C-alpha cells in the first residue's frame, strides 16, 4: 500500500485515529499533503479529545454525527451526501467496507470522467485526472489485498491493509467488472480514455479467478 505515514510526519497521532483518517482518505480519494492531519484534527476537535492544532490529550471517543457533518462540509467535492452513512460507518469502526468502497470508487471515477469531458479549465481537468489516478491506485491496492489471507497474528498487527474474505473478493471483482463496463462505455462515446480501461483490466486481473 502507498505510504500514508508521510501525511502524519512529526505528529503524535493516536494509532486508531490515524487508521480512521487513512480509511477516509483512501475511500474518498483525498490526497493533499495536509489532509491527513486536517482530518485527524477535525475529528478530535469535534469529538472533544483534541485542540484542533495537532494535540490529542483526551481519551479518543469519536462523536460520529458531528465529525461526519464537519467532514462533509469540508470535502463536499469528494464526500457526497449519499456517502454520509458510509462515512459514519468508517468513523465508528475505523475500517473500510471493501465491497462498498469499490462501488463508491467506481462511481467516483465515472463522475470524474464525465466532468473532464465538459470541463474547460485546464487546472480542473488536471485535478480530475489526478483524482482518477488516485482512485485507480486505491482499487489496485484493494485488488492486491484481496489475494492475501489474514492470519491471527496479522489480525493484531498495526497495519492499514484491509484483507478480504473470499466472499468480499468476489464482490470486489463484481464491482470492478461493472467499473470496466462503465469505463469502456465512456470510451465509446468519447468521454473516457483507453488508459483507464487498461488500468481497471489490470486491477481486475490481480483479484484472481
Protein backbone atom coordinates (compact mmCIF):
# COMPACT_ATOMS: atom_id res chain seq x y z
CA UNK A 1 0.00 0.00 0.00
CA UNK A 2 1.08 3.60 -0.54
CA UNK A 3 2.97 5.28 2.27
CA UNK A 4 0.33 7.22 4.15
CA UNK A 5 2.70 7.91 7.04
CA UNK A 6 4.05 10.92 5.14
CA UNK A 7 0.78 12.73 5.92
CA UNK A 8 1.50 12.49 9.67
CA UNK A 9 5.27 13.01 9.85
CA UNK A 10 6.39 14.76 13.01
CA UNK A 11 2.96 14.45 14.64
CA UNK A 12 1.99 12.30 17.61
CA UNK A 13 -1.38 10.95 16.46
CA UNK A 14 -3.26 8.15 18.26
CA UNK A 15 -2.93 4.96 16.21
CA UNK A 16 -6.66 4.33 15.80
CA UNK A 17 -7.33 7.94 14.84
CA UNK A 18 -4.63 7.73 12.18
CA UNK A 19 -6.08 4.48 10.82
CA UNK A 20 -9.53 6.07 10.63
CA UNK A 21 -8.17 9.11 8.77
CA UNK A 22 -6.33 6.87 6.30
CA UNK A 23 -9.51 4.88 5.61
CA UNK A 24 -11.36 8.13 4.89
CA UNK A 25 -8.57 9.31 2.57
CA UNK A 26 -8.50 6.00 0.69
CA UNK A 27 -12.25 5.70 0.31
CA UNK A 28 -12.96 9.28 -0.73
CA UNK A 29 -9.80 9.93 -2.79
CA UNK A 30 -8.39 12.66 -0.54
CA UNK A 31 -4.66 13.05 -1.06
CA UNK A 32 -3.48 16.57 -0.22
CA UNK A 33 -0.32 16.68 1.91
CA UNK A 34 -2.12 18.44 4.80
CA UNK A 35 -5.34 16.43 4.57
CA UNK A 36 -4.33 13.59 6.89
CA UNK A 37 -3.70 15.87 9.85
CA UNK A 38 -6.65 18.10 8.98
CA UNK A 39 -9.00 15.09 9.14
CA UNK A 40 -7.48 13.98 12.46
CA UNK A 41 -7.80 17.48 13.91
CA UNK A 42 -11.41 17.85 12.76
CA UNK A 43 -12.43 14.51 14.27
CA UNK A 44 -10.61 15.17 17.53
CA UNK A 45 -11.85 18.76 17.93
CA UNK A 46 -15.47 17.94 17.11
CA UNK A 47 -15.33 14.97 19.49
CA UNK A 48 -13.66 16.87 22.34
CA UNK A 49 -10.40 14.94 22.66
CA UNK A 50 -8.16 17.30 20.66
CA UNK A 51 -7.48 21.00 20.34
CA UNK A 52 -7.63 21.13 16.53
CA UNK A 53 -3.93 22.02 16.42
CA UNK A 54 -2.27 18.62 16.40
CA UNK A 55 -2.60 17.81 20.11
CA UNK A 56 -4.81 14.97 21.35
CA UNK A 57 -4.77 15.00 25.17
CA UNK A 58 -8.17 13.43 25.75
CA UNK A 59 -9.40 9.86 25.51
CA UNK A 60 -10.33 9.02 21.94
CA UNK A 61 -14.09 8.69 21.62
CA UNK A 62 -15.39 9.90 18.27
CA UNK A 63 -18.59 11.92 18.07
CA UNK A 64 -19.70 10.36 14.79
CA UNK A 65 -22.52 12.75 13.73
CA UNK A 66 -20.54 15.92 14.48
CA UNK A 67 -17.34 14.66 12.85
CA UNK A 68 -19.17 13.38 9.77
CA UNK A 69 -21.05 16.66 9.35
CA UNK A 70 -17.87 18.72 9.52
CA UNK A 71 -16.02 16.45 7.07
CA UNK A 72 -18.97 16.56 4.64
CA UNK A 73 -18.78 20.34 4.64
CA UNK A 74 -15.02 20.40 4.25
CA UNK A 75 -14.80 17.77 1.49
CA UNK A 76 -18.06 18.25 -0.38
CA UNK A 77 -16.40 17.58 -3.74
CA UNK A 78 -15.19 14.17 -2.59
CA UNK A 79 -17.74 13.11 0.02
CA UNK A 80 -21.32 13.50 -1.14
CA UNK A 81 -24.47 13.47 0.96
CA UNK A 82 -25.29 9.99 -0.31
CA UNK A 83 -21.97 8.84 1.22
CA UNK A 84 -22.78 10.10 4.72
CA UNK A 85 -23.87 6.69 6.04
CA UNK A 86 -20.67 5.06 4.78
CA UNK A 87 -18.56 7.88 6.24
CA UNK A 88 -20.24 7.44 9.62
CA UNK A 89 -19.57 3.70 9.49
CA UNK A 90 -15.85 4.34 8.88
CA UNK A 91 -15.81 6.78 11.82
CA UNK A 92 -17.49 4.18 14.04
CA UNK A 93 -15.32 1.20 13.07
CA UNK A 94 -12.06 2.66 11.76
CA UNK A 95 -12.30 0.22 8.85
CA UNK A 96 -13.30 0.10 5.20
CA UNK A 97 -16.20 -1.98 3.94
CA UNK A 98 -14.26 -3.16 0.88
CA UNK A 99 -17.13 -4.10 -1.48
CA UNK A 100 -18.97 -0.92 -0.59
CA UNK A 101 -15.80 1.11 -1.10
CA UNK A 102 -15.33 -0.47 -4.53
CA UNK A 103 -18.80 0.70 -5.57
CA UNK A 104 -18.05 4.23 -4.40
CA UNK A 105 -14.66 4.37 -6.11
CA UNK A 106 -16.18 3.08 -9.34
CA UNK A 107 -18.85 5.79 -9.22
CA UNK A 108 -16.26 8.44 -8.39
CA UNK A 109 -14.12 7.50 -11.41
CA UNK A 110 -17.21 7.60 -13.64
CA UNK A 111 -18.26 11.05 -12.36
CA UNK A 112 -14.76 12.48 -12.79
CA UNK A 113 -14.57 11.10 -16.33
CA UNK A 114 -17.85 12.75 -17.28
CA UNK A 115 -16.81 16.08 -15.80
CA UNK A 116 -13.49 16.08 -17.67
CA UNK A 117 -15.40 15.91 -20.94
CA UNK A 118 -17.40 19.08 -20.19
CA UNK A 119 -14.65 20.95 -18.32
CA UNK A 120 -12.86 23.85 -20.00
CA UNK A 121 -10.46 24.88 -17.24
CA UNK A 122 -7.11 23.13 -17.63
CA UNK A 123 -6.37 23.15 -13.89
CA UNK A 124 -9.68 21.45 -13.14
CA UNK A 125 -9.08 18.80 -15.79
CA UNK A 126 -5.62 18.12 -14.34
CA UNK A 127 -7.11 17.80 -10.86
CA UNK A 128 -9.84 15.41 -12.03
CA UNK A 129 -7.29 13.28 -13.85
CA UNK A 130 -5.23 13.15 -10.65
CA UNK A 131 -8.36 12.05 -8.77
CA UNK A 132 -8.98 9.26 -11.27
CA UNK A 133 -5.38 8.05 -10.94
CA UNK A 134 -5.62 8.07 -7.14
CA UNK A 135 -8.93 6.19 -7.16
CA UNK A 136 -7.50 3.63 -9.58
CA UNK A 137 -4.46 3.16 -7.33
CA UNK A 138 -6.76 2.50 -4.37
CA UNK A 139 -8.71 -0.08 -6.39
CA UNK A 140 -5.35 -1.58 -7.39
CA UNK A 141 -4.32 -1.84 -3.73
CA UNK A 142 -7.64 -3.43 -2.77
CA UNK A 143 -7.19 -5.95 -5.56
CA UNK A 144 -3.72 -6.83 -4.21
CA UNK A 145 -5.11 -7.14 -0.70
CA UNK A 146 -7.92 -9.34 -1.99
CA UNK A 147 -5.40 -12.04 -2.81
CA UNK A 148 -3.95 -12.17 0.71
CA UNK A 149 -5.19 -14.18 3.66
CA UNK A 150 -5.19 -12.82 7.19
CA UNK A 151 -3.62 -14.92 9.90
CA UNK A 152 -4.43 -14.39 13.62
CA UNK A 153 -1.02 -12.75 14.06
CA UNK A 154 -1.70 -10.33 11.22
CA UNK A 155 -5.12 -9.56 12.64
CA UNK A 156 -3.47 -7.94 15.64
CA UNK A 157 -0.75 -6.20 13.66
CA UNK A 158 -0.57 -2.43 13.30
CA UNK A 159 -1.40 -2.40 9.60
CA UNK A 160 -3.52 -0.21 7.35
CA UNK A 161 -4.18 -3.01 4.85
CA UNK A 162 -7.65 -4.48 4.53
CA UNK A 163 -7.51 -8.22 3.88
CA UNK A 164 -10.55 -9.75 2.25
CA UNK A 165 -12.56 -12.89 2.75
CA UNK A 166 -13.34 -14.98 -0.32
CA UNK A 167 -16.86 -13.54 -0.41
CA UNK A 168 -15.52 -9.97 -0.25
CA UNK A 169 -13.00 -10.75 -3.00
CA UNK A 170 -15.77 -11.96 -5.30
CA UNK A 171 -17.88 -8.91 -4.51
CA UNK A 172 -14.91 -6.66 -5.31
CA UNK A 173 -14.47 -8.49 -8.63
CA UNK A 174 -18.15 -7.96 -9.42
CA UNK A 175 -17.93 -4.19 -8.99
CA UNK A 176 -14.61 -3.97 -10.79
CA UNK A 177 -16.29 -5.64 -13.77
CA UNK A 178 -19.06 -3.05 -13.60
CA UNK A 179 -16.41 -0.32 -13.43
CA UNK A 180 -14.83 -1.78 -16.55
CA UNK A 181 -18.17 -1.72 -18.37
CA UNK A 182 -18.62 1.93 -17.36
CA UNK A 183 -15.10 2.86 -18.49
CA UNK A 184 -15.49 1.09 -21.83
CA UNK A 185 -18.86 2.79 -22.34
CA UNK A 186 -17.34 6.20 -21.68
CA UNK A 187 -14.55 5.42 -24.13
CA UNK A 188 -17.04 4.51 -26.87
CA UNK A 189 -18.91 7.80 -26.56
CA UNK A 190 -15.70 9.82 -26.43
CA UNK A 191 -15.67 10.76 -22.74
CA UNK A 192 -13.31 8.16 -21.28
CA UNK A 193 -9.75 7.22 -22.10
CA UNK A 194 -8.00 3.99 -23.00
CA UNK A 195 -5.57 4.16 -20.07
CA UNK A 196 -8.40 3.99 -17.53
CA UNK A 197 -9.82 0.92 -19.28
CA UNK A 198 -6.39 -0.75 -19.25
CA UNK A 199 -5.83 0.16 -15.59
CA UNK A 200 -9.12 -1.42 -14.50
CA UNK A 201 -8.37 -4.55 -16.55
CA UNK A 202 -5.01 -4.82 -14.79
CA UNK A 203 -6.61 -4.33 -11.38
CA UNK A 204 -9.28 -6.93 -12.12
CA UNK A 205 -6.64 -9.44 -13.18
CA UNK A 206 -4.91 -9.08 -9.80
CA UNK A 207 -8.01 -10.23 -7.93
CA UNK A 208 -7.57 -13.74 -9.36
CA UNK A 209 -10.12 -16.12 -10.78
